[in-house]
Amino acid sequence: MKDMESLVLDQDDEMLSPAVVVATIVLLAVFVVGFLVQIVGLVA
């Protein structure tokens, strides 16, 4: 059972890693865009 769980976890890690990286980049991009919009709003 442990061997099967290890294989499943390994597969999940390989599948989740790219998804986590993409999600992090998207969240950072949204945060930066929102921050820039606030700056433009204050300046304007």
N, C-alpha and C. Protein backbone atom coordinates (compact mmCIF):
# COMPACT_ATOMS: atom_id res chain seq x y z
N MET A 1 0.83 -1.21 0.00
CA MET A 1 0.00 0.00 0.00
C MET A 1 0.87 1.26 0.00
N LYS A 2 1.92 1.26 0.81
CA LYS A 2 2.78 2.44 0.89
C LYS A 2 3.44 2.71 -0.46
N ASP A 3 3.82 1.62 -1.17
CA ASP A 3 4.45 1.81 -2.47
C ASP A 3 3.48 2.49 -3.43
N MET A 4 2.21 2.07 -3.42
CA MET A 4 1.21 2.67 -4.30
C MET A 4 1.00 4.14 -3.93
N GLU A 5 0.92 4.42 -2.63
CA GLU A 5 0.73 5.80 -2.18
C GLU A 5 1.90 6.67 -2.61
N SER A 6 3.11 6.12 -2.53
CA SER A 6 4.31 6.87 -2.92
C SER A 6 4.23 7.21 -4.40
N LEU A 7 3.83 6.23 -5.21
CA LEU A 7 3.74 6.47 -6.66
C LEU A 7 2.70 7.55 -6.95
N VAL A 8 1.56 7.46 -6.27
CA VAL A 8 0.49 8.45 -6.49
C VAL A 8 0.97 9.83 -6.08
N LEU A 9 1.64 9.91 -4.92
CA LEU A 9 2.13 11.21 -4.44
C LEU A 9 3.16 11.78 -5.41
N ASP A 10 4.03 10.91 -5.93
CA ASP A 10 5.05 11.37 -6.88
C ASP A 10 4.37 11.93 -8.13
N GLN A 11 3.35 11.24 -8.61
CA GLN A 11 2.65 11.71 -9.81
C GLN A 11 1.95 13.04 -9.52
N ASP A 12 1.34 13.14 -8.33
CA ASP A 12 0.64 14.37 -7.95
C ASP A 12 1.64 15.54 -7.89
N ASP A 13 2.81 15.30 -7.31
CA ASP A 13 3.81 16.36 -7.20
C ASP A 13 4.22 16.85 -8.59
N GLU A 14 4.42 15.91 -9.50
CA GLU A 14 4.83 16.29 -10.86
C GLU A 14 3.73 17.09 -11.55
N MET A 15 2.49 16.72 -11.29
CA MET A 15 1.36 17.41 -11.93
C MET A 15 1.08 18.75 -11.24
N LEU A 16 1.24 18.81 -9.92
CA LEU A 16 0.92 20.02 -9.17
C LEU A 16 1.99 21.11 -9.30
N SER A 17 3.24 20.72 -9.42
CA SER A 17 4.32 21.71 -9.47
C SER A 17 4.08 22.78 -10.54
N PRO A 18 3.87 22.40 -11.81
CA PRO A 18 3.63 23.41 -12.85
C PRO A 18 2.38 24.23 -12.53
N ALA A 19 1.34 23.59 -12.03
CA ALA A 19 0.09 24.29 -11.72
C ALA A 19 0.33 25.33 -10.62
N VAL A 20 1.12 24.96 -9.60
CA VAL A 20 1.42 25.88 -8.50
C VAL A 20 2.22 27.07 -9.02
N VAL A 21 3.19 26.80 -9.89
CA VAL A 21 4.02 27.88 -10.45
C VAL A 21 3.14 28.83 -11.26
N VAL A 22 2.28 28.28 -12.12
CA VAL A 22 1.40 29.12 -12.94
C VAL A 22 0.46 29.93 -12.06
N ALA A 23 -0.13 29.28 -11.05
CA ALA A 23 -1.05 29.98 -10.16
C ALA A 23 -0.35 31.11 -9.43
N THR A 24 0.89 30.86 -8.98
CA THR A 24 1.65 31.90 -8.28
C THR A 24 1.92 33.08 -9.20
N ILE A 25 2.33 32.80 -10.45
CA ILE A 25 2.61 33.87 -11.41
C ILE A 25 1.35 34.67 -11.68
N VAL A 26 0.22 33.98 -11.84
CA VAL A 26 -1.05 34.67 -12.12
C VAL A 26 -1.43 35.57 -10.94
N LEU A 27 -1.31 35.05 -9.71
CA LEU A 27 -1.66 35.85 -8.54
C LEU A 27 -0.75 37.07 -8.44
N LEU A 28 0.55 36.89 -8.68
CA LEU A 28 1.48 38.02 -8.63
C LEU A 28 1.13 39.04 -9.71
N ALA A 29 0.80 38.56 -10.90
CA ALA A 29 0.45 39.46 -12.00
C ALA A 29 -0.79 40.28 -11.64
N VAL A 30 -1.81 39.61 -11.09
CA VAL A 30 -3.04 40.31 -10.71
C VAL A 30 -2.74 41.35 -9.64
N PHE A 31 -1.90 40.99 -8.66
CA PHE A 31 -1.56 41.91 -7.58
C PHE A 31 -0.82 43.13 -8.14
N VAL A 32 0.14 42.90 -9.04
CA VAL A 32 0.92 44.00 -9.64
C VAL A 32 0.00 44.90 -10.45
N VAL A 33 -0.87 44.31 -11.24
CA VAL A 33 -1.80 45.12 -12.07
C VAL A 33 -2.69 45.97 -11.17
N GLY A 34 -3.23 45.36 -10.12
CA GLY A 34 -4.09 46.11 -9.20
C GLY A 34 -3.32 47.24 -8.53
N PHE A 35 -2.06 46.97 -8.16
CA PHE A 35 -1.23 47.99 -7.52
C PHE A 35 -0.98 49.14 -8.48
N LEU A 36 -0.67 48.82 -9.74
CA LEU A 36 -0.42 49.86 -10.75
C LEU A 36 -1.69 50.68 -10.99
N VAL A 37 -2.83 50.02 -11.01
CA VAL A 37 -4.10 50.74 -11.21
C VAL A 37 -4.32 51.72 -10.07
N GLN A 38 -4.02 51.31 -8.84
CA GLN A 38 -4.19 52.22 -7.70
C GLN A 38 -3.25 53.41 -7.83
N ILE A 39 -2.01 53.18 -8.26
CA ILE A 39 -1.04 54.28 -8.42
C ILE A 39 -1.54 55.25 -9.48
N VAL A 40 -1.99 54.72 -10.62
CA VAL A 40 -2.49 55.57 -11.70
C VAL A 40 -3.71 56.36 -11.19
N GLY A 41 -4.57 55.70 -10.41
CA GLY A 41 -5.76 56.36 -9.88
C GLY A 41 -5.36 57.50 -8.95
N LEU A 42 -4.34 57.30 -8.11
CA LEU A 42 -3.90 58.35 -7.19
C LEU A 42 -3.26 59.51 -7.97
N VAL A 43 -2.44 59.18 -8.96
CA VAL A 43 -1.77 60.23 -9.76
C VAL A 43 -2.80 61.00 -10.56
N ALA A 44 -3.73 60.26 -11.18
CA ALA A 44 -4.75 60.93 -12.00
C ALA A 44 -5.76 61.59 -11.07
